[in-house]
Amino acid sequence: MLKSMLTRRNAMLCAAALATVIGLAGPAAAVTPEEIKARGKLIVGIQGDNPPWGFVTSAGKQDGLDADVATLYAKELGVDVEFVPLEVNNRIPALTTGRVDVLFATMAMLPDRAKAVQFSKPYVANAIVLIGAKSASIKSNADMANLTIGVAKGAAQDTQVTKNAPPSATIRRFDGDAASVQALASGQVQALGGNIFYMDRVEKARPGEFENKLEFQKLYNGACTRLGEKEINASINAFIDKIKANGELKKIYDKWMKVPVPEFPESLEGIPFSAN
């Protein structure tokens, strides 16, 4: 009798464990604008250490371009916004497992990523560059030979430096943008893969020593939702159209980027803006 009870108990524990694993591994439940409104809160995945995109102030407030755009979208829905600061390489997992509703997280629009997440229309433009010492002669990919180059692991700059650097270059991958910038500032690496807005941070750490050397790729950033979530994708696209038209995006660009709002493409190869 005791043996039978233990057997049944073990079977129940195994079943519960299996259900937990399935629940963690399975796709997150769809989130619609109406569900978010009913909850009263939009949960946004954002970068916590990558100014001017997303960063946490000394007072503990999430700030930056992505924070301002996400706050406007929450206002559009009539709800509060809750930010979840994420590192580069855990942005997509945080979305696909349901930890956040949407990513406004410096998400470069890349075809490989579009297989895992649904991009919105682009709302910001960027470029992937190599930063090096002003004294260094780096005018072509070949000039990266024998350099030690830092990148944020899993970011677009990781992909581009890996693709373009000669085999003799050493690529060091760091957990996040801040760590990779610090590696350059502290002399752990000789060059840095980043975006066009890294230089402001590098200049603050080591004034007058570095500059953008090479441009690898022009990019656009979009908001990300889960694949197949048509309603929230359509809602975000309508919101992006609205802030482009009414000048709100320009205000955010003026505040954080100090450059004019660019012309955005109507399409990007391999990257649908609308959910199927």
Protein backbone atom coordinates (compact mmCIF):
# COMPACT_ATOMS: atom_id res chain seq x y z
CA MET A 1 0.00 0.00 0.00
CA LEU A 2 2.78 2.39 1.00
CA LYS A 3 4.71 1.46 -2.14
CA SER A 4 1.61 2.17 -4.26
CA MET A 5 1.11 5.58 -2.62
CA LEU A 6 4.77 6.50 -3.16
CA THR A 7 4.54 5.43 -6.80
CA ARG A 8 1.44 7.59 -7.34
CA ARG A 9 3.10 10.52 -5.52
CA ASN A 10 6.23 10.23 -7.68
CA ALA A 11 4.12 10.11 -10.83
CA MET A 12 2.25 13.24 -9.76
CA LEU A 13 5.51 15.06 -8.99
CA CYS A 14 6.93 14.08 -12.38
CA ALA A 15 3.78 15.25 -14.14
CA ALA A 16 3.92 18.59 -12.31
CA ALA A 17 7.58 19.03 -13.18
CA LEU A 18 6.88 18.20 -16.82
CA ALA A 19 4.02 20.70 -16.93
CA THR A 20 6.31 23.36 -15.48
CA VAL A 21 8.98 22.67 -18.09
CA ILE A 22 6.44 22.78 -20.89
CA GLY A 23 5.04 26.03 -19.53
CA LEU A 24 8.49 27.61 -19.45
CA ALA A 25 9.53 26.35 -22.85
CA GLY A 26 6.27 26.93 -24.68
CA PRO A 27 5.29 30.11 -26.50
CA ALA A 28 4.05 33.03 -24.43
CA ALA A 29 0.35 33.80 -24.50
CA ALA A 30 -0.67 36.50 -26.95
CA VAL A 31 -0.97 39.98 -25.52
CA THR A 32 -3.40 42.38 -27.19
CA PRO A 33 -3.81 46.11 -26.61
CA GLU A 34 -7.15 45.38 -24.92
CA GLU A 35 -5.52 42.93 -22.51
CA ILE A 36 -2.85 45.52 -21.69
CA LYS A 37 -5.53 48.15 -21.11
CA ALA A 38 -7.41 45.79 -18.81
CA ARG A 39 -4.22 45.13 -16.86
CA GLY A 40 -3.50 48.86 -16.68
CA LYS A 41 0.20 48.46 -17.40
CA LEU A 42 2.52 48.01 -20.39
CA ILE A 43 5.62 45.95 -19.58
CA VAL A 44 8.53 47.09 -21.75
CA GLY A 45 11.89 45.40 -22.26
CA ILE A 46 14.59 48.05 -22.66
CA GLN A 47 18.34 48.37 -22.33
CA GLY A 48 19.53 49.58 -18.96
CA ASP A 49 23.08 50.64 -19.81
CA ASN A 50 23.13 52.03 -23.34
CA PRO A 51 22.64 55.81 -23.51
CA PRO A 52 21.14 57.59 -25.34
CA TRP A 53 18.83 54.65 -26.13
CA GLY A 54 18.06 53.22 -22.71
CA PHE A 55 19.76 53.71 -19.37
CA VAL A 56 19.02 54.00 -15.68
CA THR A 57 19.77 57.35 -14.04
CA SER A 58 21.53 57.75 -10.69
CA ALA A 59 18.05 58.29 -9.23
CA GLY A 60 16.98 54.87 -10.52
CA LYS A 61 14.75 56.20 -13.31
CA GLN A 62 14.71 54.53 -16.72
CA ASP A 63 15.55 57.16 -19.35
CA GLY A 64 16.61 57.57 -22.97
CA LEU A 65 15.11 57.64 -26.45
CA ASP A 66 13.52 54.20 -26.20
CA ALA A 67 12.10 55.06 -22.78
CA ASP A 68 10.49 58.21 -24.16
CA VAL A 69 8.98 56.37 -27.14
CA ALA A 70 7.69 53.54 -24.93
CA THR A 71 6.21 56.01 -22.45
CA LEU A 72 4.37 57.72 -25.30
CA TYR A 73 3.01 54.37 -26.48
CA ALA A 74 1.80 53.53 -22.97
CA LYS A 75 0.10 56.95 -22.87
CA GLU A 76 -1.51 56.14 -26.23
CA LEU A 77 -2.98 53.01 -24.64
CA GLY A 78 -3.97 54.92 -21.50
CA VAL A 79 -1.88 52.77 -19.15
CA ASP A 80 1.21 53.02 -16.96
CA VAL A 81 4.56 51.76 -18.18
CA GLU A 82 6.86 49.34 -16.36
CA PHE A 83 10.42 48.98 -17.64
CA VAL A 84 12.48 45.79 -17.44
CA PRO A 85 16.17 46.62 -18.11
CA LEU A 86 17.79 43.92 -20.24
CA GLU A 87 21.25 43.03 -21.52
CA VAL A 88 21.77 42.69 -25.27
CA ASN A 89 21.72 38.91 -25.36
CA ASN A 90 18.59 38.40 -23.22
CA ARG A 91 16.28 40.85 -25.00
CA ILE A 92 14.63 38.32 -27.33
CA PRO A 93 14.32 35.57 -24.67
CA ALA A 94 12.63 38.05 -22.32
CA LEU A 95 10.04 38.75 -25.02
CA THR A 96 9.45 35.23 -26.30
CA THR A 97 9.05 33.77 -22.79
CA GLY A 98 6.48 36.41 -21.88
CA ARG A 99 8.54 38.35 -19.35
CA VAL A 100 7.77 41.57 -21.25
CA ASP A 101 5.00 42.66 -23.64
CA VAL A 102 7.18 44.51 -26.12
CA LEU A 103 10.80 45.47 -26.74
CA PHE A 104 11.78 49.09 -27.22
CA ALA A 105 15.39 48.06 -26.75
CA THR A 106 17.71 49.32 -29.51
CA MET A 107 16.54 46.38 -31.62
CA ALA A 108 18.33 46.58 -34.95
CA MET A 109 16.08 45.21 -37.69
CA LEU A 110 17.91 42.13 -39.02
CA PRO A 111 16.51 39.24 -41.09
CA ASP A 112 17.71 36.57 -38.63
CA ARG A 113 15.97 38.34 -35.76
CA ALA A 114 12.79 38.65 -37.84
CA LYS A 115 12.55 34.85 -37.70
CA ALA A 116 12.20 35.02 -33.90
CA VAL A 117 10.28 38.26 -33.30
CA GLN A 118 7.84 40.54 -35.10
CA PHE A 119 9.31 43.94 -35.93
CA SER A 120 7.26 47.10 -36.20
CA LYS A 121 7.91 49.85 -38.69
CA PRO A 122 11.28 51.52 -37.99
CA TYR A 123 11.32 54.52 -35.68
CA VAL A 124 15.05 55.23 -35.44
CA ALA A 125 18.14 54.98 -37.66
CA ASN A 126 21.60 53.85 -36.66
CA ALA A 127 24.87 52.52 -38.06
CA ILE A 128 27.35 49.90 -36.87
CA VAL A 129 30.90 51.25 -36.71
CA LEU A 130 34.41 50.49 -35.51
CA ILE A 131 35.89 52.93 -33.00
CA GLY A 132 39.65 53.21 -32.71
CA ALA A 133 42.42 55.52 -31.59
CA LYS A 134 42.86 58.69 -33.63
CA SER A 135 46.53 57.78 -33.94
CA ALA A 136 45.75 54.38 -35.49
CA SER A 137 45.56 53.99 -39.26
CA ILE A 138 42.35 51.99 -39.77
CA LYS A 139 40.90 52.73 -43.19
CA SER A 140 39.79 49.28 -44.34
CA ASN A 141 38.81 45.91 -42.94
CA ALA A 142 42.36 44.68 -43.54
CA ASP A 143 43.64 47.29 -41.10
CA MET A 144 41.89 45.44 -38.27
CA ALA A 145 44.51 42.68 -38.55
CA ASN A 146 46.11 41.80 -35.22
CA LEU A 147 43.86 44.18 -33.27
CA THR A 148 42.00 43.15 -30.14
CA ILE A 149 38.43 44.35 -30.67
CA GLY A 150 35.69 44.53 -28.07
CA VAL A 151 31.99 44.02 -28.78
CA ALA A 152 28.77 43.53 -26.84
CA LYS A 153 28.04 39.81 -27.09
CA GLY A 154 25.16 38.99 -29.42
CA ALA A 155 24.68 42.56 -30.66
CA ALA A 156 24.70 43.70 -34.30
CA GLN A 157 28.27 44.95 -33.82
CA ASP A 158 29.33 41.44 -32.74
CA THR A 159 27.95 40.10 -36.02
CA GLN A 160 29.57 42.81 -38.15
CA VAL A 161 33.01 42.72 -36.52
CA THR A 162 33.02 38.91 -36.70
CA LYS A 163 32.07 39.11 -40.38
CA ASN A 164 34.55 41.82 -41.40
CA ALA A 165 37.63 41.41 -39.21
CA PRO A 166 40.61 39.42 -40.58
CA PRO A 167 41.33 36.03 -38.96
CA SER A 168 44.32 37.50 -37.12
CA ALA A 169 42.10 39.91 -35.16
CA THR A 170 41.06 38.92 -31.64
CA ILE A 171 37.41 39.56 -30.79
CA ARG A 172 36.53 39.89 -27.12
CA ARG A 173 32.84 39.63 -26.27
CA PHE A 174 31.45 41.43 -23.24
CA ASP A 175 28.11 41.27 -21.44
CA GLY A 176 26.50 44.48 -22.65
CA ASP A 177 27.39 47.85 -24.11
CA ALA A 178 28.71 49.44 -20.91
CA ALA A 179 31.22 46.63 -20.35
CA SER A 180 32.51 46.84 -23.92
CA VAL A 181 32.93 50.63 -23.73
CA GLN A 182 34.75 50.26 -20.41
CA ALA A 183 37.05 47.67 -22.00
CA LEU A 184 38.17 50.25 -24.57
CA ALA A 185 38.53 53.00 -21.97
CA SER A 186 40.62 50.77 -19.70
CA GLY A 187 42.89 49.50 -22.48
CA GLN A 188 41.64 45.90 -22.45
CA VAL A 189 40.94 46.24 -26.18
CA GLN A 190 42.42 48.42 -28.93
CA ALA A 191 39.21 49.01 -30.87
CA LEU A 192 35.49 48.74 -30.28
CA GLY A 193 32.53 47.63 -32.37
CA GLY A 194 29.57 49.85 -31.59
CA ASN A 195 26.98 52.16 -33.03
CA ILE A 196 27.23 55.81 -34.06
CA PHE A 197 26.22 56.97 -30.59
CA TYR A 198 28.97 55.14 -28.69
CA MET A 199 31.44 57.96 -29.28
CA ASP A 200 29.72 60.24 -26.77
CA ARG A 201 30.38 57.68 -24.03
CA VAL A 202 33.92 56.96 -25.19
CA GLU A 203 34.69 60.68 -25.33
CA LYS A 204 33.54 61.14 -21.75
CA ALA A 205 35.79 58.30 -20.61
CA ARG A 206 38.88 59.18 -22.68
CA PRO A 207 38.50 62.70 -24.15
CA GLY A 208 40.09 63.38 -27.53
CA GLU A 209 41.66 59.95 -28.05
CA PHE A 210 39.21 57.99 -30.21
CA GLU A 211 37.07 58.37 -33.34
CA ASN A 212 34.77 56.38 -35.63
CA LYS A 213 37.02 54.56 -38.09
CA LEU A 214 34.88 52.24 -40.23
CA GLU A 215 31.17 51.95 -40.97
CA PHE A 216 30.00 48.38 -41.45
CA GLN A 217 26.24 48.64 -41.79
CA LYS A 218 23.35 51.11 -41.82
CA LEU A 219 20.53 49.96 -39.59
CA TYR A 220 17.04 50.82 -38.46
CA ASN A 221 15.53 50.01 -35.09
CA GLY A 222 11.98 48.80 -34.55
CA ALA A 223 9.80 47.73 -31.66
CA CYS A 224 9.44 43.96 -31.26
CA THR A 225 6.48 41.82 -30.32
CA ARG A 226 5.99 38.07 -30.52
CA LEU A 227 5.37 36.35 -33.84
CA GLY A 228 1.71 36.16 -34.79
CA GLU A 229 0.51 38.93 -32.44
CA LYS A 230 -1.32 40.92 -35.08
CA GLU A 231 -3.29 43.34 -32.92
CA ILE A 232 -0.43 44.78 -30.88
CA ASN A 233 1.80 44.93 -33.98
CA ALA A 234 -0.88 46.92 -35.83
CA SER A 235 -1.35 49.16 -32.78
CA ILE A 236 2.38 49.94 -32.55
CA ASN A 237 2.64 50.61 -36.29
CA ALA A 238 -0.26 53.07 -36.09
CA PHE A 239 1.41 54.73 -33.09
CA ILE A 240 4.74 55.06 -34.94
CA ASP A 241 2.97 56.62 -37.94
CA LYS A 242 1.27 59.05 -35.56
CA ILE A 243 4.43 60.26 -33.78
CA LYS A 244 6.23 60.67 -37.10
CA ALA A 245 3.37 62.81 -38.41
CA ASN A 246 2.62 64.92 -35.32
CA GLY A 247 6.22 65.88 -34.48
CA GLU A 248 6.54 63.85 -31.27
CA LEU A 249 9.32 61.70 -32.75
CA LYS A 250 11.15 64.85 -33.83
CA LYS A 251 11.01 66.17 -30.26
CA ILE A 252 12.55 62.93 -29.01
CA TYR A 253 15.23 63.02 -31.73
CA ASP A 254 16.04 66.64 -30.87
CA LYS A 255 16.38 65.71 -27.21
CA TRP A 256 18.53 62.60 -27.54
CA MET A 257 20.09 62.36 -31.00
CA LYS A 258 20.71 66.01 -31.92
CA VAL A 259 20.20 65.10 -35.60
CA PRO A 260 17.19 65.41 -37.94
CA VAL A 261 14.70 62.56 -38.15
CA PRO A 262 15.75 60.51 -41.20
CA GLU A 263 13.64 59.24 -44.06
CA PHE A 264 12.55 55.71 -43.16
CA PRO A 265 12.28 52.89 -45.72
CA GLU A 266 8.86 51.54 -46.70
CA SER A 267 10.27 48.01 -46.57
CA LEU A 268 13.41 46.09 -45.64
CA GLU A 269 14.35 42.81 -47.34
CA GLY A 270 13.55 39.81 -45.19
CA ILE A 271 11.92 41.91 -42.45
CA PRO A 272 8.11 42.24 -42.54
CA PHE A 273 6.72 45.18 -40.61
CA SER A 274 3.26 43.63 -40.26
CA ALA A 275 2.34 40.35 -38.56
CA ASN A 276 0.93 37.58 -40.74
